[in-house]
């Protein structure tokens, strides 16, 4: 089960990184805007951290996107295999 969960986190992290980069944000800038430690954001983008819904809300708000945008993009990336 843990391997399955980790596999689910990889596209989520990739989606967040992609959306951040599309908006021209550096990781440190997004972390500061969302009120999260840079190391935590990096772990999330690498698929090593389960973010929890509150963090996803903060990241979405800081990037100016809907939370659903993150999930939809993660789903697209996860099904690209």
N, C-alpha and C. Protein backbone atom coordinates (compact mmCIF):
# COMPACT_ATOMS: atom_id res chain seq x y z
N UNK A 1 0.82 -1.20 0.00
CA UNK A 1 0.00 0.00 0.00
C UNK A 1 0.86 1.26 0.00
N UNK A 2 1.97 1.23 0.73
CA UNK A 2 2.82 2.41 0.78
C UNK A 2 3.40 2.74 -0.59
N UNK A 3 3.81 1.72 -1.37
CA UNK A 3 4.32 1.97 -2.71
C UNK A 3 3.26 2.60 -3.60
N UNK A 4 2.02 2.13 -3.48
CA UNK A 4 0.91 2.69 -4.26
C UNK A 4 0.70 4.15 -3.88
N UNK A 5 0.74 4.43 -2.59
CA UNK A 5 0.53 5.81 -2.14
C UNK A 5 1.65 6.70 -2.65
N UNK A 6 2.88 6.23 -2.60
CA UNK A 6 4.01 7.01 -3.10
C UNK A 6 3.83 7.29 -4.59
N UNK A 7 3.38 6.31 -5.34
CA UNK A 7 3.16 6.50 -6.77
C UNK A 7 2.11 7.57 -7.03
N UNK A 8 1.13 7.68 -6.16
CA UNK A 8 0.11 8.72 -6.31
C UNK A 8 0.67 10.11 -6.03
N UNK A 9 1.68 10.19 -5.17
CA UNK A 9 2.24 11.49 -4.80
C UNK A 9 3.15 12.06 -5.89
N UNK A 10 3.73 11.20 -6.70
CA UNK A 10 4.65 11.68 -7.73
C UNK A 10 3.96 12.60 -8.74
N UNK A 11 2.83 12.19 -9.35
CA UNK A 11 2.17 13.12 -10.28
C UNK A 11 1.64 14.38 -9.59
N UNK A 12 1.26 14.26 -8.32
CA UNK A 12 0.80 15.44 -7.59
C UNK A 12 1.94 16.44 -7.46
N UNK A 13 3.11 15.96 -7.07
CA UNK A 13 4.27 16.84 -6.96
C UNK A 13 4.68 17.44 -8.28
N UNK A 14 4.64 16.63 -9.33
CA UNK A 14 4.97 17.13 -10.67
C UNK A 14 3.99 18.21 -11.11
N UNK A 15 2.72 18.01 -10.80
CA UNK A 15 1.70 19.01 -11.17
C UNK A 15 1.96 20.33 -10.47
N UNK A 16 2.30 20.27 -9.18
CA UNK A 16 2.58 21.50 -8.44
C UNK A 16 3.81 22.20 -9.00
N UNK A 17 4.86 21.43 -9.27
CA UNK A 17 6.08 22.02 -9.85
C UNK A 17 5.77 22.67 -11.21
N UNK A 18 5.03 21.94 -12.04
CA UNK A 18 4.70 22.46 -13.37
C UNK A 18 3.90 23.75 -13.29
N UNK A 19 2.89 23.78 -12.45
CA UNK A 19 2.07 24.98 -12.29
C UNK A 19 2.89 26.13 -11.73
N UNK A 20 3.77 25.84 -10.79
CA UNK A 20 4.64 26.88 -10.22
C UNK A 20 5.53 27.47 -11.31
N UNK A 21 6.15 26.60 -12.10
CA UNK A 21 7.06 27.07 -13.14
C UNK A 21 6.32 27.84 -14.24
N UNK A 22 5.11 27.40 -14.56
CA UNK A 22 4.31 28.12 -15.57
C UNK A 22 4.01 29.55 -15.13
N UNK A 23 3.95 29.75 -13.83
CA UNK A 23 3.65 31.08 -13.30
C UNK A 23 4.92 31.88 -13.02
N UNK A 24 6.07 31.31 -13.36
CA UNK A 24 7.33 32.02 -13.19
C UNK A 24 7.77 32.16 -11.75
N UNK A 25 7.30 31.26 -10.89
CA UNK A 25 7.64 31.34 -9.47
C UNK A 25 8.82 30.43 -9.15
N UNK A 26 9.74 30.93 -8.36
CA UNK A 26 10.80 30.11 -7.81
C UNK A 26 10.22 29.34 -6.63
N UNK A 27 10.80 28.19 -6.32
CA UNK A 27 10.29 27.36 -5.22
C UNK A 27 10.27 28.15 -3.91
N UNK A 28 11.30 28.91 -3.65
CA UNK A 28 11.35 29.70 -2.41
C UNK A 28 10.25 30.74 -2.33
N UNK A 29 9.92 31.33 -3.48
CA UNK A 29 8.85 32.33 -3.51
C UNK A 29 7.50 31.71 -3.22
N UNK A 30 7.25 30.54 -3.83
CA UNK A 30 5.97 29.86 -3.58
C UNK A 30 5.89 29.40 -2.14
N UNK A 31 6.98 28.86 -1.63
CA UNK A 31 6.99 28.39 -0.24
C UNK A 31 6.66 29.55 0.71
N UNK A 32 7.29 30.69 0.49
CA UNK A 32 7.04 31.85 1.35
C UNK A 32 5.59 32.32 1.23
N UNK A 33 5.08 32.38 0.00
CA UNK A 33 3.71 32.85 -0.21
C UNK A 33 2.68 31.91 0.41
N UNK A 34 3.00 30.61 0.43
CA UNK A 34 2.08 29.62 0.99
C UNK A 34 2.31 29.39 2.48
N UNK A 35 3.36 29.98 3.03
CA UNK A 35 3.65 29.83 4.45
C UNK A 35 4.17 28.44 4.80
N UNK A 36 4.99 27.88 3.91
CA UNK A 36 5.53 26.54 4.13
C UNK A 36 7.05 26.58 4.00
N UNK A 37 7.71 25.71 4.71
CA UNK A 37 9.16 25.59 4.63
C UNK A 37 9.57 25.14 3.23
N UNK A 38 10.65 25.70 2.70
CA UNK A 38 11.12 25.36 1.37
C UNK A 38 11.42 23.86 1.25
N UNK A 39 12.02 23.29 2.26
CA UNK A 39 12.32 21.85 2.23
C UNK A 39 11.06 21.01 2.12
N UNK A 40 10.01 21.46 2.74
CA UNK A 40 8.73 20.73 2.66
C UNK A 40 8.15 20.83 1.25
N UNK A 41 8.23 22.00 0.64
CA UNK A 41 7.75 22.16 -0.73
C UNK A 41 8.58 21.30 -1.68
N UNK A 42 9.88 21.29 -1.51
CA UNK A 42 10.73 20.47 -2.36
C UNK A 42 10.41 18.99 -2.22
N UNK A 43 10.17 18.53 -0.99
CA UNK A 43 9.79 17.13 -0.76
C UNK A 43 8.45 16.82 -1.42
N UNK A 44 7.53 17.76 -1.38
CA UNK A 44 6.23 17.58 -2.02
C UNK A 44 6.39 17.49 -3.53
N UNK A 45 7.16 18.39 -4.12
CA UNK A 45 7.36 18.38 -5.57
C UNK A 45 8.09 17.13 -6.04
N UNK A 46 8.90 16.54 -5.17
CA UNK A 46 9.62 15.31 -5.50
C UNK A 46 8.79 14.05 -5.25
N UNK A 47 7.57 14.21 -4.73
CA UNK A 47 6.71 13.06 -4.46
C UNK A 47 7.06 12.33 -3.18
N UNK A 48 7.76 13.00 -2.27
CA UNK A 48 8.16 12.37 -1.01
C UNK A 48 7.31 12.80 0.17
N UNK A 49 6.32 13.64 -0.06
CA UNK A 49 5.52 14.18 1.03
C UNK A 49 4.05 14.19 0.66
N UNK A 50 3.23 13.68 1.55
CA UNK A 50 1.78 13.78 1.41
C UNK A 50 1.40 15.14 1.97
N UNK A 51 0.92 16.05 1.15
CA UNK A 51 0.79 17.44 1.58
C UNK A 51 -0.37 17.73 2.53
N UNK A 52 -1.41 16.98 2.46
CA UNK A 52 -2.60 17.34 3.24
C UNK A 52 -3.37 18.43 2.51
N UNK A 53 -4.66 18.48 2.77
CA UNK A 53 -5.52 19.39 2.01
C UNK A 53 -5.24 20.86 2.32
N UNK A 54 -4.93 21.19 3.56
CA UNK A 54 -4.69 22.59 3.91
C UNK A 54 -3.48 23.15 3.16
N UNK A 55 -2.44 22.34 3.03
CA UNK A 55 -1.26 22.79 2.28
C UNK A 55 -1.59 22.96 0.81
N UNK A 56 -2.37 22.04 0.26
CA UNK A 56 -2.78 22.17 -1.14
C UNK A 56 -3.59 23.44 -1.36
N UNK A 57 -4.46 23.74 -0.43
CA UNK A 57 -5.23 24.99 -0.53
C UNK A 57 -4.31 26.21 -0.51
N UNK A 58 -3.34 26.21 0.38
CA UNK A 58 -2.41 27.34 0.48
C UNK A 58 -1.58 27.48 -0.79
N UNK A 59 -1.11 26.36 -1.33
CA UNK A 59 -0.32 26.41 -2.56
C UNK A 59 -1.15 26.90 -3.74
N UNK A 60 -2.37 26.39 -3.84
CA UNK A 60 -3.24 26.81 -4.93
C UNK A 60 -3.51 28.31 -4.85
N UNK A 61 -3.82 28.78 -3.66
CA UNK A 61 -4.08 30.21 -3.49
C UNK A 61 -2.85 31.04 -3.85
N UNK A 62 -1.68 30.59 -3.41
CA UNK A 62 -0.45 31.33 -3.68
C UNK A 62 -0.12 31.36 -5.17
N UNK A 63 -0.54 30.32 -5.91
CA UNK A 63 -0.29 30.28 -7.35
C UNK A 63 -1.43 30.90 -8.15
N UNK A 64 -2.53 31.21 -7.49
CA UNK A 64 -3.67 31.81 -8.18
C UNK A 64 -4.44 30.81 -9.03
N UNK A 65 -4.50 29.55 -8.57
CA UNK A 65 -5.26 28.52 -9.27
C UNK A 65 -6.25 27.88 -8.32
N UNK A 66 -7.20 27.18 -8.87
CA UNK A 66 -8.12 26.39 -8.06
C UNK A 66 -7.41 25.12 -7.62
N UNK A 67 -7.78 24.61 -6.47
CA UNK A 67 -7.21 23.36 -5.99
C UNK A 67 -7.50 22.25 -6.97
N UNK A 68 -8.66 22.28 -7.59
CA UNK A 68 -9.02 21.25 -8.56
C UNK A 68 -8.07 21.25 -9.75
N UNK A 69 -7.49 22.39 -10.09
CA UNK A 69 -6.53 22.47 -11.18
C UNK A 69 -5.32 21.58 -10.88
N UNK A 70 -4.88 21.59 -9.63
CA UNK A 70 -3.75 20.75 -9.23
C UNK A 70 -4.10 19.28 -9.40
N UNK A 71 -5.30 18.91 -8.93
CA UNK A 71 -5.71 17.50 -9.01
C UNK A 71 -5.90 17.05 -10.46
N UNK A 72 -6.50 17.88 -11.26
CA UNK A 72 -6.72 17.51 -12.67
C UNK A 72 -5.39 17.32 -13.38
N UNK A 73 -4.46 18.23 -13.16
CA UNK A 73 -3.14 18.10 -13.82
C UNK A 73 -2.41 16.87 -13.30
N UNK A 74 -2.49 16.59 -12.01
CA UNK A 74 -1.86 15.39 -11.45
C UNK A 74 -2.45 14.13 -12.05
N UNK A 75 -3.75 14.14 -12.26
CA UNK A 75 -4.41 12.98 -12.88
C UNK A 75 -3.92 12.80 -14.31
N UNK A 76 -3.80 13.91 -15.05
CA UNK A 76 -3.30 13.84 -16.43
C UNK A 76 -1.87 13.29 -16.46
N UNK A 77 -1.04 13.77 -15.57
CA UNK A 77 0.35 13.31 -15.52
C UNK A 77 0.44 11.86 -15.09
N UNK A 78 -0.43 11.45 -14.18
CA UNK A 78 -0.42 10.08 -13.71
C UNK A 78 -0.90 9.08 -14.71
N UNK A 79 -1.73 9.51 -15.64
CA UNK A 79 -2.26 8.60 -16.65
C UNK A 79 -1.45 8.64 -17.94
N UNK A 80 -0.39 9.43 -17.97
CA UNK A 80 0.43 9.59 -19.17
C UNK A 80 1.35 8.41 -19.39
N UNK A 81 1.40 7.48 -18.46
CA UNK A 81 2.30 6.32 -18.59
C UNK A 81 1.90 5.40 -19.70
